[in-house]
Protein backbone atom coordinates (compact mmCIF):
# COMPACT_ATOMS: atom_id res chain seq x y z
CA MET A 1 22.58 3.92 7.35
CA GLU A 2 19.25 5.83 7.43
CA PRO A 3 15.89 4.27 6.95
CA ALA A 4 14.42 4.29 3.57
CA GLN A 5 11.06 5.31 4.83
CA LYS A 6 10.19 8.87 4.34
CA GLU A 7 8.52 10.89 7.22
CA ARG A 8 5.73 11.93 5.42
CA THR A 9 2.41 10.18 6.48
CA PRO A 10 1.57 7.97 9.16
CA PHE A 11 1.92 5.24 7.35
CA SER A 12 5.68 6.08 6.96
CA ASP A 13 6.57 6.22 10.62
CA ILE A 14 4.42 4.05 12.26
CA ASP A 15 6.56 3.55 15.49
CA GLY A 16 6.76 7.15 15.76
CA LEU A 17 3.16 7.63 16.55
CA THR A 18 1.33 7.58 19.82
CA ALA A 19 0.10 4.58 21.19
CA GLN A 20 -3.35 6.12 20.11
CA MET A 21 -2.63 6.65 16.57
CA SER A 22 -0.67 3.85 16.01
CA GLU A 23 -3.72 1.62 16.70
CA MET A 24 -5.85 3.89 14.55
CA VAL A 25 -3.30 3.04 11.49
CA LEU A 26 -3.41 -0.86 12.25
CA ALA A 27 -7.18 -0.47 12.18
CA ALA A 28 -7.04 1.20 9.21
CA LEU A 29 -4.65 -1.15 7.57
CA THR A 30 -6.81 -3.97 8.52
CA GLU A 31 -9.81 -2.21 7.28
CA MET A 32 -8.17 -1.43 3.99
CA GLY A 33 -7.16 -5.07 3.32
CA GLN A 34 -10.97 -6.15 3.66
CA HIS A 35 -12.20 -3.57 0.97
CA PRO A 36 -13.70 -5.36 -1.66
CA GLU A 37 -11.77 -2.96 -4.39
CA ILE A 38 -8.39 -3.72 -2.57
CA ARG A 39 -9.39 -7.34 -2.62
CA ARG A 40 -9.64 -6.62 -6.17
CA VAL A 41 -6.33 -5.15 -6.59
CA ARG A 42 -4.80 -8.32 -4.93
CA ARG A 43 -6.29 -10.57 -6.82
CA ALA A 44 -4.94 -8.83 -9.85
CA GLY A 45 -1.56 -9.23 -7.85
CA PHE A 46 -1.92 -13.01 -7.37
CA ASP A 47 -2.54 -13.19 -10.91
CA ALA A 48 0.69 -11.33 -11.57
CA LEU A 49 3.07 -13.13 -9.17
CA ARG A 50 1.72 -16.61 -9.69
CA PRO A 51 2.83 -18.30 -6.43
CA ALA A 52 3.73 -21.80 -6.70
CA LEU A 53 3.75 -24.78 -4.36
CA GLY A 54 7.02 -24.99 -2.49
CA ALA A 55 7.98 -21.54 -3.48
CA ARG A 56 10.01 -19.33 -0.96
CA LEU A 57 8.15 -15.63 -0.97
CA LEU A 58 8.96 -12.32 0.60
CA ASP A 59 6.21 -9.77 1.43
CA ALA A 60 8.40 -6.64 1.51
CA GLY A 61 6.18 -4.19 3.61
CA SER A 62 3.89 -6.71 4.90
CA GLY A 63 1.77 -4.70 7.75
CA SER A 64 -0.17 -6.97 9.70
CA GLY A 65 0.39 -10.21 7.66
CA GLU A 66 -2.96 -11.04 5.86
CA VAL A 67 -1.38 -11.02 2.60
CA ALA A 68 1.44 -13.12 3.75
CA ARG A 69 -0.57 -15.35 5.06
CA ARG A 70 -2.76 -15.85 2.12
CA LEU A 71 0.80 -16.52 0.18
CA ALA A 72 1.78 -19.38 2.95
CA ALA A 73 -1.45 -21.00 1.87
CA GLU A 74 -0.47 -21.03 -1.91
CA VAL A 75 3.05 -22.13 -1.47
CA GLY A 76 2.02 -25.01 1.02
CA PRO A 77 3.83 -26.38 3.66
CA ARG A 78 7.15 -26.84 1.77
CA GLY A 79 6.97 -23.36 0.74
CA GLU A 80 7.94 -20.37 3.35
CA VAL A 81 6.92 -16.73 3.29
CA THR A 82 9.11 -14.02 4.86
CA ALA A 83 6.93 -11.27 5.93
CA LEU A 84 9.03 -8.38 6.60
CA ASP A 85 8.08 -4.80 7.40
CA TYR A 86 9.34 -1.71 8.96
CA SER A 87 7.25 -0.99 11.85
CA ALA A 88 8.06 -3.08 15.00
CA ALA A 89 4.49 -2.19 16.24
CA ILE A 90 2.92 -3.33 13.06
CA THR A 91 5.29 -6.56 13.05
CA ALA A 92 4.27 -7.56 16.84
CA ALA A 93 0.51 -7.00 15.95
CA ALA A 94 0.96 -9.46 12.89
CA ILE A 95 2.74 -12.02 15.18
CA ALA A 96 -0.16 -11.67 17.37
CA ARG A 97 -2.42 -12.42 14.46
CA HIS A 98 -0.57 -15.35 13.53
CA ASP A 99 -2.28 -18.24 12.40
CA LYS A 100 0.50 -21.18 12.38
CA SER A 101 0.89 -21.10 8.59
CA ASN A 102 4.20 -21.14 7.34
CA VAL A 103 5.06 -17.35 7.90
CA ARG A 104 8.16 -15.64 9.37
CA TYR A 105 7.57 -12.39 10.63
CA VAL A 106 10.63 -9.76 10.67
CA THR A 107 11.25 -6.17 10.61
CA GLY A 108 13.59 -4.79 8.28
CA ASP A 109 14.28 -1.94 5.76
CA VAL A 110 13.11 -2.39 2.33
CA GLY A 111 15.94 -0.18 1.07
CA ALA A 112 18.96 -2.25 2.55
CA LEU A 113 17.66 -5.72 3.22
CA ASP A 114 19.16 -8.09 5.40
CA LEU A 115 18.76 -11.45 3.20
CA ALA A 116 21.18 -12.95 0.97
CA ASP A 117 21.32 -13.13 -2.46
CA ASP A 118 18.98 -15.23 -4.54
CA CYS A 119 17.63 -16.29 -1.41
CA VAL A 120 13.55 -16.12 -2.30
CA ASP A 121 11.54 -17.10 -5.54
CA GLY A 122 9.05 -14.04 -5.68
CA VAL A 123 8.39 -10.73 -4.00
CA TRP A 124 5.05 -9.37 -2.98
CA CYS A 125 5.36 -5.26 -2.12
CA GLU A 126 2.40 -3.75 -2.00
CA ARG A 127 1.78 0.01 -1.59
CA VAL A 128 5.40 0.40 0.08
CA LEU A 129 7.32 2.39 -2.56
CA GLN A 130 5.33 5.40 -2.40
CA HIS A 131 6.39 5.95 1.14
CA VAL A 132 10.29 5.21 0.38
CA ASP A 133 13.09 7.60 -0.25
CA ASP A 134 14.73 5.76 -3.07
CA ALA A 135 12.19 3.30 -4.90
CA ASP A 136 15.13 2.31 -7.45
CA ARG A 137 17.01 1.38 -4.46
CA ALA A 138 14.46 -0.71 -3.04
CA ILE A 139 13.68 -2.54 -6.29
CA GLY A 140 17.19 -3.15 -6.81
CA GLU A 141 17.30 -4.95 -3.20
CA LEU A 142 14.28 -6.69 -4.31
CA CYS A 143 15.72 -8.02 -7.39
CA ARG A 144 19.07 -8.93 -5.48
CA VAL A 145 17.06 -11.05 -3.13
CA THR A 146 15.43 -13.05 -5.67
CA ARG A 147 16.73 -15.87 -7.74
CA PRO A 148 16.98 -15.78 -11.71
CA GLY A 149 13.66 -16.82 -12.77
CA GLY A 150 12.01 -15.74 -10.01
CA ARG A 151 9.09 -13.11 -10.47
CA ILE A 152 8.23 -9.84 -8.74
CA CYS A 153 4.76 -8.20 -8.50
CA LEU A 154 4.66 -4.56 -7.23
CA ILE A 155 1.54 -2.50 -6.65
CA ASP A 156 1.34 0.97 -5.85
CA THR A 157 -1.21 4.18 -5.86
CA ASP A 158 -1.12 6.90 -8.63
CA TRP A 159 -2.48 9.40 -6.27
CA GLU A 160 -2.67 12.08 -9.05
CA SER A 161 -5.38 9.69 -10.49
CA LEU A 162 -7.98 10.50 -7.22
CA ALA A 163 -11.07 12.23 -8.65
CA PHE A 164 -14.50 13.08 -7.00
CA ASP A 165 -17.66 13.34 -8.39
CA GLY A 166 -21.14 14.71 -6.72
CA VAL A 167 -18.98 17.52 -5.00
CA PRO A 168 -17.99 20.94 -6.29
CA PRO A 169 -14.49 20.64 -8.37
CA ARG A 170 -13.51 24.13 -6.79
CA LEU A 171 -13.86 23.11 -3.28
CA TRP A 172 -11.97 19.54 -3.88
CA ASP A 173 -9.42 21.91 -5.47
CA GLU A 174 -8.82 23.83 -2.44
CA VAL A 175 -8.72 21.20 -0.01
CA TRP A 176 -6.24 19.22 -2.04
CA SER A 177 -3.90 22.27 -1.69
CA TYR A 178 -3.82 21.84 1.78
CA VAL A 179 -4.13 18.06 2.24
CA GLY A 180 -2.32 16.65 -0.78
CA GLY A 181 1.04 17.11 0.68
CA HIS A 182 0.17 15.09 4.18
CA PHE A 183 -2.53 13.15 3.29
CA THR A 184 -0.76 11.19 0.38
CA PRO A 185 2.84 10.54 0.08
CA LYS A 186 5.55 12.97 -2.08
CA GLN A 187 5.79 10.19 -4.60
CA ARG A 188 1.97 10.44 -6.06
CA ASP A 189 2.62 9.19 -9.22
CA MET A 190 4.56 5.99 -8.11
CA GLY A 191 1.94 3.44 -9.35
CA ARG A 192 2.26 4.51 -13.29
CA THR A 193 6.40 4.41 -12.86
CA LEU A 194 6.19 0.93 -11.76
CA ARG A 195 6.67 -0.56 -15.29
CA ARG A 196 9.36 2.02 -16.04
CA ARG A 197 11.49 1.18 -13.19
CA LEU A 198 11.10 -2.77 -13.58
CA VAL A 199 12.12 -2.05 -17.12
CA ALA A 200 15.27 0.10 -16.03
CA ALA A 201 16.15 -2.93 -13.60
CA GLY A 202 16.11 -5.22 -16.39
CA LEU A 203 12.96 -7.19 -15.58
CA THR A 204 11.12 -9.34 -18.09
CA GLY A 205 8.37 -11.02 -18.96
CA LEU A 206 6.19 -7.73 -17.48
CA THR A 207 2.84 -7.24 -16.92
CA ALA A 208 1.18 -4.03 -16.06
CA THR A 209 -2.34 -3.76 -14.91
CA PRO A 210 -3.89 -0.62 -13.83
CA VAL A 211 -6.95 -1.17 -11.38
CA THR A 212 -9.49 1.59 -11.22
CA CYS A 213 -11.17 1.58 -7.68
CA LEU A 214 -14.73 2.80 -7.53
CA PHE A 215 -16.21 4.23 -4.29
CA GLY A 216 -19.80 4.75 -4.74
CA SER A 217 -20.28 5.91 -1.35
CA PRO A 218 -18.48 8.25 1.64
CA ASP A 219 -18.28 5.58 3.72
CA SER A 220 -16.68 3.04 1.38
CA ALA A 221 -14.58 6.03 0.07
CA ALA A 222 -13.34 6.82 3.50
CA VAL A 223 -11.70 3.10 4.00
CA VAL A 224 -8.79 4.27 1.67
CA LEU A 225 -9.13 7.64 1.30
CA PRO A 226 -8.61 9.86 4.72
CA MET A 227 -9.24 13.18 2.99
CA VAL A 228 -12.94 11.97 2.79
CA ASN A 229 -12.74 10.24 6.71
CA PRO A 230 -14.55 12.47 9.42
CA ARG A 231 -12.90 10.24 11.77
CA VAL A 232 -9.38 11.52 10.90
CA PRO A 233 -8.51 13.84 13.73
CA GLU A 234 -9.41 17.55 12.77
CA ASP A 235 -5.44 18.46 13.70
CA ALA A 236 -4.45 16.25 11.00
CA TRP A 237 -6.12 18.09 8.15
CA GLN A 238 -4.29 21.28 8.22
CA THR A 239 -7.01 22.95 6.25
CA PRO A 240 -8.09 26.78 7.52
CA PRO A 241 -11.16 27.24 9.73
CA GLY A 242 -14.58 26.12 8.25
CA LEU A 243 -12.96 24.52 4.98
CA ARG A 244 -12.72 20.70 6.32
CA ASP A 245 -16.12 20.86 7.56
CA GLU A 246 -17.23 22.64 4.38
CA TRP A 247 -15.46 19.60 2.67
CA LEU A 248 -17.17 16.87 4.53
CA ALA A 249 -20.63 18.37 4.42
CA CYS A 250 -20.69 18.43 0.86
CA VAL A 251 -19.04 14.73 0.56
CA GLU A 252 -22.16 13.48 3.13
CA ALA A 253 -24.60 15.44 1.24
CA ALA A 254 -23.80 13.73 -2.21
CA GLY A 255 -23.65 10.35 -0.39
CA ALA A 256 -27.25 11.11 0.51
CA ARG A 257 -28.31 12.60 -2.70
CA GLY A 258 -26.49 8.86 -3.90
CA ASP A 259 -24.27 10.64 -6.09
CA PHE A 260 -21.02 10.72 -4.51
CA LEU A 261 -18.10 8.95 -6.68
CA ALA A 262 -14.63 8.53 -6.07
CA VAL A 263 -12.10 6.76 -8.36
CA LEU A 264 -8.55 5.86 -7.51
CA THR A 265 -6.07 4.00 -10.10
CA ILE A 266 -3.82 1.49 -8.32
CA TRP A 267 -1.08 -0.56 -10.52
CA VAL A 268 -0.16 -3.75 -10.61
CA VAL A 269 3.22 -4.72 -12.05
CA ALA A 270 4.99 -7.80 -12.45
CA GLY A 271 8.35 -8.99 -13.92
CA THR A 272 10.58 -11.67 -13.89
CA VAL A 273 14.23 -11.38 -12.87
């Protein structure tokens, strides 16, 4: 069976990257997880999932495992967290960072889970579905492995909500026309579609929380937004000569003036199977 992940952004096919790029992506994932705005998103997710002591949880698309390890602390020693990621390299990095909590690290495809029916009490799936070929198939798999009455929490980005202030709108529109297709997934509106998808999957007790992330400086924004990050290699931009440098210079100038602003909405949607 073909994997569910799309081969579009670096986050979609980490094992296919060079060692240098793989390390860069891992560092980016770690840095994002430490960002105050991403932590705010995750707090909303924990409130929606409501992990209980003794629960068996699945972190579907677990990255370097920081959320899985936090979930393990919530469910306690009698609970268990399965941290599943598509990338063997990222899974190895997660294992290297293991803190002896009750987390089991595995590789797998969210669209074809090698897990039994009704085997977990809850699922966390953060910023994964935007990268898969068939999000509804993946949601079906998450529902299949969750026992009746279990809770599923989906977190994903609405990239079409991305907006800037302090930089020329015309210039951003031109940059977006080039970088939008390879700095963001094809499914740019995934975040706002999550509630509809869970309704279609038959979940009840739905909650949907849009978290607007605010970035008041280029340095803060660059942690989450590759299009303002000067560390992203120049050949990844695929823009006409001079456009990248002009854009980044405007971003830097806005930061120096103190009037730079970027906003991005990330949705936290949860429901009961």
